[in-house]
Amino acid sequence: MADSVTDKVKKVVSRQLKVEESLINPDSDFVKDLGADSLKSVELVAAFEEEFDIEMDEEAALNVRTVGKAIEHIEKSMKEQGKSGADPQ
């Protein structure tokens, strides 16, 4: 079974910010809770684009403050771009 968008987001955040996946939840704030700075935030957006094969509005994406909002933003971008959450068959 393919990983959900939430699982993939947590994996990317964990990898990019060097934070244990178990410490990441939808309410986690990228800056306050997970230690992201402006450079890490840009790297996160790029990593999300690569992981989900989408293009994100960088300005809008950088204004996303929590993991839950990032998941919503990614799901919206995927829907708009005709991508599914599952890996291709």
C-alpha atoms as a PDB file:
ATOM      1  CA  MET A   1       0.000   0.000   0.000  1.00  0.00           C
ATOM      2  CA  ALA A   2       1.316   3.425  -0.952  1.00  0.00           C
ATOM      3  CA  ASP A   3       2.188   5.933   1.725  1.00  0.00           C
ATOM      4  CA  SER A   4      -0.411   8.619   2.350  1.00  0.00           C
ATOM      5  CA  VAL A   5       0.299  12.285   1.695  1.00  0.00           C
ATOM      6  CA  THR A   6       0.586  12.767   5.463  1.00  0.00           C
ATOM      7  CA  ASP A   7       3.156   9.963   5.782  1.00  0.00           C
ATOM      8  CA  LYS A   8       5.199  11.318   2.882  1.00  0.00           C
ATOM      9  CA  VAL A   9       5.119  14.866   4.273  1.00  0.00           C
ATOM     10  CA  LYS A  10       6.325  13.612   7.657  1.00  0.00           C
ATOM     11  CA  LYS A  11       9.156  11.663   5.998  1.00  0.00           C
ATOM     12  CA  VAL A  12      10.272  14.718   3.994  1.00  0.00           C
ATOM     13  CA  VAL A  13      10.097  17.010   7.031  1.00  0.00           C
ATOM     14  CA  SER A  14      12.012  14.490   9.135  1.00  0.00           C
ATOM     15  CA  ARG A  15      14.721  14.125   6.494  1.00  0.00           C
ATOM     16  CA  GLN A  16      15.056  17.846   5.715  1.00  0.00           C
ATOM     17  CA  LEU A  17      14.906  19.181   9.265  1.00  0.00           C
ATOM     18  CA  LYS A  18      16.627  16.246  11.000  1.00  0.00           C
ATOM     19  CA  VAL A  19      13.696  15.731  13.373  1.00  0.00           C
ATOM     20  CA  GLU A  20      12.367  12.363  14.544  1.00  0.00           C
ATOM     21  CA  GLU A  21       9.238  11.492  12.560  1.00  0.00           C
ATOM     22  CA  SER A  22       7.421  10.603  15.786  1.00  0.00           C
ATOM     23  CA  LEU A  23       7.766  14.234  16.939  1.00  0.00           C
ATOM     24  CA  ILE A  24       6.015  15.604  13.839  1.00  0.00           C
ATOM     25  CA  ASN A  25       2.246  16.120  13.955  1.00  0.00           C
ATOM     26  CA  PRO A  26      -0.246  18.294  12.050  1.00  0.00           C
ATOM     27  CA  ASP A  27       0.047  21.091  14.620  1.00  0.00           C
ATOM     28  CA  SER A  28       3.860  21.211  14.453  1.00  0.00           C
ATOM     29  CA  ASP A  29       5.038  24.693  13.480  1.00  0.00           C
ATOM     30  CA  PHE A  30       7.937  24.531  11.034  1.00  0.00           C
ATOM     31  CA  VAL A  31       9.857  27.377  12.707  1.00  0.00           C
ATOM     32  CA  LYS A  32       8.812  27.262  16.365  1.00  0.00           C
ATOM     33  CA  ASP A  33       8.577  23.494  16.838  1.00  0.00           C
ATOM     34  CA  LEU A  34      10.810  22.008  14.145  1.00  0.00           C
ATOM     35  CA  GLY A  35      13.582  24.606  13.865  1.00  0.00           C
ATOM     36  CA  ALA A  36      13.236  25.549  10.205  1.00  0.00           C
ATOM     37  CA  ASP A  37      14.941  28.755   9.101  1.00  0.00           C
ATOM     38  CA  SER A  38      14.329  30.574   5.808  1.00  0.00           C
ATOM     39  CA  LEU A  39      16.812  28.421   3.873  1.00  0.00           C
ATOM     40  CA  LYS A  40      15.374  25.182   5.274  1.00  0.00           C
ATOM     41  CA  SER A  41      11.879  26.413   4.402  1.00  0.00           C
ATOM     42  CA  VAL A  42      12.876  26.902   0.761  1.00  0.00           C
ATOM     43  CA  GLU A  43      14.535  23.472   0.760  1.00  0.00           C
ATOM     44  CA  LEU A  44      11.350  21.946   2.187  1.00  0.00           C
ATOM     45  CA  VAL A  45       9.236  23.409  -0.616  1.00  0.00           C
ATOM     46  CA  ALA A  46      11.669  21.990  -3.189  1.00  0.00           C
ATOM     47  CA  ALA A  47      11.638  18.595  -1.466  1.00  0.00           C
ATOM     48  CA  PHE A  48       7.814  18.544  -1.422  1.00  0.00           C
ATOM     49  CA  GLU A  49       7.730  19.414  -5.138  1.00  0.00           C
ATOM     50  CA  GLU A  50      10.125  16.575  -5.897  1.00  0.00           C
ATOM     51  CA  GLU A  51       8.419  14.031  -3.623  1.00  0.00           C
ATOM     52  CA  PHE A  52       4.932  14.715  -5.008  1.00  0.00           C
ATOM     53  CA  ASP A  53       5.924  15.666  -8.588  1.00  0.00           C
ATOM     54  CA  ILE A  54       4.100  18.987  -8.345  1.00  0.00           C
ATOM     55  CA  GLU A  55       4.804  22.670  -8.829  1.00  0.00           C
ATOM     56  CA  MET A  56       4.001  24.833  -5.821  1.00  0.00           C
ATOM     57  CA  ASP A  57       3.567  28.585  -5.650  1.00  0.00           C
ATOM     58  CA  GLU A  58       6.714  29.258  -3.627  1.00  0.00           C
ATOM     59  CA  GLU A  59       5.417  32.439  -2.001  1.00  0.00           C
ATOM     60  CA  ALA A  60       2.187  30.757  -0.903  1.00  0.00           C
ATOM     61  CA  ALA A  61       4.051  27.634   0.228  1.00  0.00           C
ATOM     62  CA  LEU A  62       6.504  29.663   2.312  1.00  0.00           C
ATOM     63  CA  ASN A  63       3.579  31.241   4.156  1.00  0.00           C
ATOM     64  CA  VAL A  64       2.418  27.809   5.332  1.00  0.00           C
ATOM     65  CA  ARG A  65       3.377  27.561   9.003  1.00  0.00           C
ATOM     66  CA  THR A  66       2.304  24.092  10.164  1.00  0.00           C
ATOM     67  CA  VAL A  67       2.643  20.526   8.940  1.00  0.00           C
ATOM     68  CA  GLY A  68      -1.150  20.185   8.709  1.00  0.00           C
ATOM     69  CA  LYS A  69      -1.440  23.281   6.516  1.00  0.00           C
ATOM     70  CA  ALA A  70       1.415  21.961   4.348  1.00  0.00           C
ATOM     71  CA  ILE A  71      -0.500  18.716   3.843  1.00  0.00           C
ATOM     72  CA  GLU A  72      -3.607  20.686   2.825  1.00  0.00           C
ATOM     73  CA  HIS A  73      -1.564  22.884   0.465  1.00  0.00           C
ATOM     74  CA  ILE A  74       0.112  19.856  -1.151  1.00  0.00           C
ATOM     75  CA  GLU A  75      -3.199  17.989  -1.553  1.00  0.00           C
ATOM     76  CA  LYS A  76      -4.739  21.092  -3.164  1.00  0.00           C
ATOM     77  CA  SER A  77      -1.750  21.461  -5.519  1.00  0.00           C
ATOM     78  CA  MET A  78      -1.929  17.768  -6.434  1.00  0.00           C
ATOM     79  CA  LYS A  79      -5.651  17.998  -7.180  1.00  0.00           C
ATOM     80  CA  GLU A  80      -5.179  21.123  -9.301  1.00  0.00           C
ATOM     81  CA  GLN A  81      -2.375  19.422 -11.246  1.00  0.00           C
ATOM     82  CA  GLY A  82      -4.205  16.121 -11.691  1.00  0.00           C
ATOM     83  CA  LYS A  83      -1.857  14.115  -9.475  1.00  0.00           C
ATOM     84  CA  SER A  84      -2.973  11.334  -7.158  1.00  0.00           C
ATOM     85  CA  GLY A  85      -1.583  10.655  -3.711  1.00  0.00           C
ATOM     86  CA  ALA A  86      -0.595   7.125  -4.675  1.00  0.00           C
ATOM     87  CA  ASP A  87       2.456   6.094  -6.634  1.00  0.00           C
ATOM     88  CA  PRO A  88       1.821   5.325 -10.327  1.00  0.00           C
ATOM     89  CA  GLN A  89       1.007   1.700 -11.109  1.00  0.00           C
END
